[in-house]
Amino acid sequence: MYPPTVSTIKEIKRASQHLSPKERWELYRWLGDLEDVQRFRLEELRQEIAVGLEQAGRGEVAPLDVQAIKAEVHRRLATERTH
């Protein structure tokens, strides 16, 4: 497992708030480059695609609303900045 000195995710998140944006970007890129993280993300994407295909197969589709998508992205970014 992990050595007892490893911080919890909550502690790491809290500590990362004290990093500069450039340092947080470097941390993000480093984590994204880890093979196990890439495998995990790929599996997540496969599951999300499977759900979408199942929904499409049942006719659960809607027209693409680019403005609504942009609004949601902006809302999420604003939420992330406050947390």
C-alpha atoms as a PDB file:
ATOM      1  CA  MET A   1       0.000   0.000   0.000  1.00  0.00           C
ATOM      2  CA  TYR A   2       1.150   3.505   0.784  1.00  0.00           C
ATOM      3  CA  PRO A   3       3.749   4.552   3.326  1.00  0.00           C
ATOM      4  CA  PRO A   4       2.196   6.159   6.413  1.00  0.00           C
ATOM      5  CA  THR A   5       3.796   9.505   5.546  1.00  0.00           C
ATOM      6  CA  VAL A   6       1.664   9.946   2.409  1.00  0.00           C
ATOM      7  CA  SER A   7      -0.898  12.712   2.837  1.00  0.00           C
ATOM      8  CA  THR A   8      -4.578  12.217   2.262  1.00  0.00           C
ATOM      9  CA  ILE A   9      -6.171  13.503  -0.910  1.00  0.00           C
ATOM     10  CA  LYS A  10      -7.873  16.215   1.127  1.00  0.00           C
ATOM     11  CA  GLU A  11      -4.489  17.369   2.484  1.00  0.00           C
ATOM     12  CA  ILE A  12      -2.933  17.298  -0.966  1.00  0.00           C
ATOM     13  CA  LYS A  13      -5.799  19.336  -2.414  1.00  0.00           C
ATOM     14  CA  ARG A  14      -5.471  21.858   0.398  1.00  0.00           C
ATOM     15  CA  ALA A  15      -1.702  22.104  -0.068  1.00  0.00           C
ATOM     16  CA  SER A  16      -2.038  22.503  -3.839  1.00  0.00           C
ATOM     17  CA  GLN A  17      -4.081  25.655  -3.295  1.00  0.00           C
ATOM     18  CA  HIS A  18      -0.857  27.313  -2.125  1.00  0.00           C
ATOM     19  CA  LEU A  19       0.917  26.533  -5.383  1.00  0.00           C
ATOM     20  CA  SER A  20       1.154  29.008  -8.206  1.00  0.00           C
ATOM     21  CA  PRO A  21      -1.023  28.318 -11.244  1.00  0.00           C
ATOM     22  CA  LYS A  22       2.095  27.256 -13.128  1.00  0.00           C
ATOM     23  CA  GLU A  23       3.004  24.765 -10.366  1.00  0.00           C
ATOM     24  CA  ARG A  24      -0.570  23.404 -10.257  1.00  0.00           C
ATOM     25  CA  TRP A  25      -0.452  22.959 -14.040  1.00  0.00           C
ATOM     26  CA  GLU A  26       2.829  21.071 -13.695  1.00  0.00           C
ATOM     27  CA  LEU A  27       1.275  18.844 -11.015  1.00  0.00           C
ATOM     28  CA  TYR A  28      -1.784  18.253 -13.210  1.00  0.00           C
ATOM     29  CA  ARG A  29       0.348  17.314 -16.191  1.00  0.00           C
ATOM     30  CA  TRP A  30       2.544  15.035 -14.083  1.00  0.00           C
ATOM     31  CA  LEU A  31      -0.480  13.199 -12.712  1.00  0.00           C
ATOM     32  CA  GLY A  32      -1.996  12.960 -16.196  1.00  0.00           C
ATOM     33  CA  ASP A  33       1.197  11.391 -17.519  1.00  0.00           C
ATOM     34  CA  LEU A  34       1.138   8.536 -15.007  1.00  0.00           C
ATOM     35  CA  GLU A  35       0.272   5.273 -16.753  1.00  0.00           C
ATOM     36  CA  ASP A  36      -2.180   4.104 -14.091  1.00  0.00           C
ATOM     37  CA  VAL A  37      -3.997   7.453 -14.201  1.00  0.00           C
ATOM     38  CA  GLN A  38      -4.183   7.238 -17.998  1.00  0.00           C
ATOM     39  CA  ARG A  39      -5.581   3.698 -17.803  1.00  0.00           C
ATOM     40  CA  PHE A  40      -8.155   4.776 -15.217  1.00  0.00           C
ATOM     41  CA  ARG A  41      -9.230   7.777 -17.311  1.00  0.00           C
ATOM     42  CA  LEU A  42      -9.451   5.658 -20.468  1.00  0.00           C
ATOM     43  CA  GLU A  43     -11.725   3.194 -18.689  1.00  0.00           C
ATOM     44  CA  GLU A  44     -13.874   6.092 -17.429  1.00  0.00           C
ATOM     45  CA  LEU A  45     -14.173   7.430 -20.971  1.00  0.00           C
ATOM     46  CA  ARG A  46     -15.133   3.993 -22.288  1.00  0.00           C
ATOM     47  CA  GLN A  47     -17.879   3.729 -19.669  1.00  0.00           C
ATOM     48  CA  GLU A  48     -19.165   7.230 -20.497  1.00  0.00           C
ATOM     49  CA  ILE A  49     -19.224   6.415 -24.215  1.00  0.00           C
ATOM     50  CA  ALA A  50     -21.072   3.155 -23.520  1.00  0.00           C
ATOM     51  CA  VAL A  51     -23.711   5.047 -21.525  1.00  0.00           C
ATOM     52  CA  GLY A  52     -24.091   7.562 -24.356  1.00  0.00           C
ATOM     53  CA  LEU A  53     -24.452   4.820 -26.943  1.00  0.00           C
ATOM     54  CA  GLU A  54     -27.083   3.074 -24.826  1.00  0.00           C
ATOM     55  CA  GLN A  55     -28.993   6.340 -24.448  1.00  0.00           C
ATOM     56  CA  ALA A  56     -28.787   7.005 -28.191  1.00  0.00           C
ATOM     57  CA  GLY A  57     -29.984   3.466 -28.866  1.00  0.00           C
ATOM     58  CA  ARG A  58     -33.071   4.157 -26.746  1.00  0.00           C
ATOM     59  CA  GLY A  59     -33.673   7.416 -28.619  1.00  0.00           C
ATOM     60  CA  GLU A  60     -32.674   9.568 -25.634  1.00  0.00           C
ATOM     61  CA  VAL A  61     -31.031  12.261 -27.738  1.00  0.00           C
ATOM     62  CA  ALA A  62     -31.406  16.020 -28.044  1.00  0.00           C
ATOM     63  CA  PRO A  63     -30.229  18.674 -30.460  1.00  0.00           C
ATOM     64  CA  LEU A  64     -26.746  20.026 -29.778  1.00  0.00           C
ATOM     65  CA  ASP A  65     -27.090  23.319 -27.884  1.00  0.00           C
ATOM     66  CA  VAL A  66     -23.653  24.949 -28.039  1.00  0.00           C
ATOM     67  CA  GLN A  67     -24.733  27.975 -26.016  1.00  0.00           C
ATOM     68  CA  ALA A  68     -26.014  25.761 -23.186  1.00  0.00           C
ATOM     69  CA  ILE A  69     -22.753  23.802 -23.241  1.00  0.00           C
ATOM     70  CA  LYS A  70     -20.713  27.016 -23.023  1.00  0.00           C
ATOM     71  CA  ALA A  71     -22.881  28.262 -20.147  1.00  0.00           C
ATOM     72  CA  GLU A  72     -22.370  24.976 -18.276  1.00  0.00           C
ATOM     73  CA  VAL A  73     -18.604  25.122 -18.797  1.00  0.00           C
ATOM     74  CA  HIS A  74     -18.500  28.686 -17.463  1.00  0.00           C
ATOM     75  CA  ARG A  75     -20.654  27.694 -14.479  1.00  0.00           C
ATOM     76  CA  ARG A  76     -18.364  24.771 -13.660  1.00  0.00           C
ATOM     77  CA  LEU A  77     -15.231  26.897 -13.965  1.00  0.00           C
ATOM     78  CA  ALA A  78     -16.712  29.498 -11.653  1.00  0.00           C
ATOM     79  CA  THR A  79     -17.624  26.777  -9.132  1.00  0.00           C
ATOM     80  CA  GLU A  80     -14.119  25.283  -9.273  1.00  0.00           C
ATOM     81  CA  ARG A  81     -12.532  28.677  -8.617  1.00  0.00           C
ATOM     82  CA  THR A  82     -14.538  29.093  -5.409  1.00  0.00           C
ATOM     83  CA  HIS A  83     -13.609  25.656  -4.028  1.00  0.00           C
END
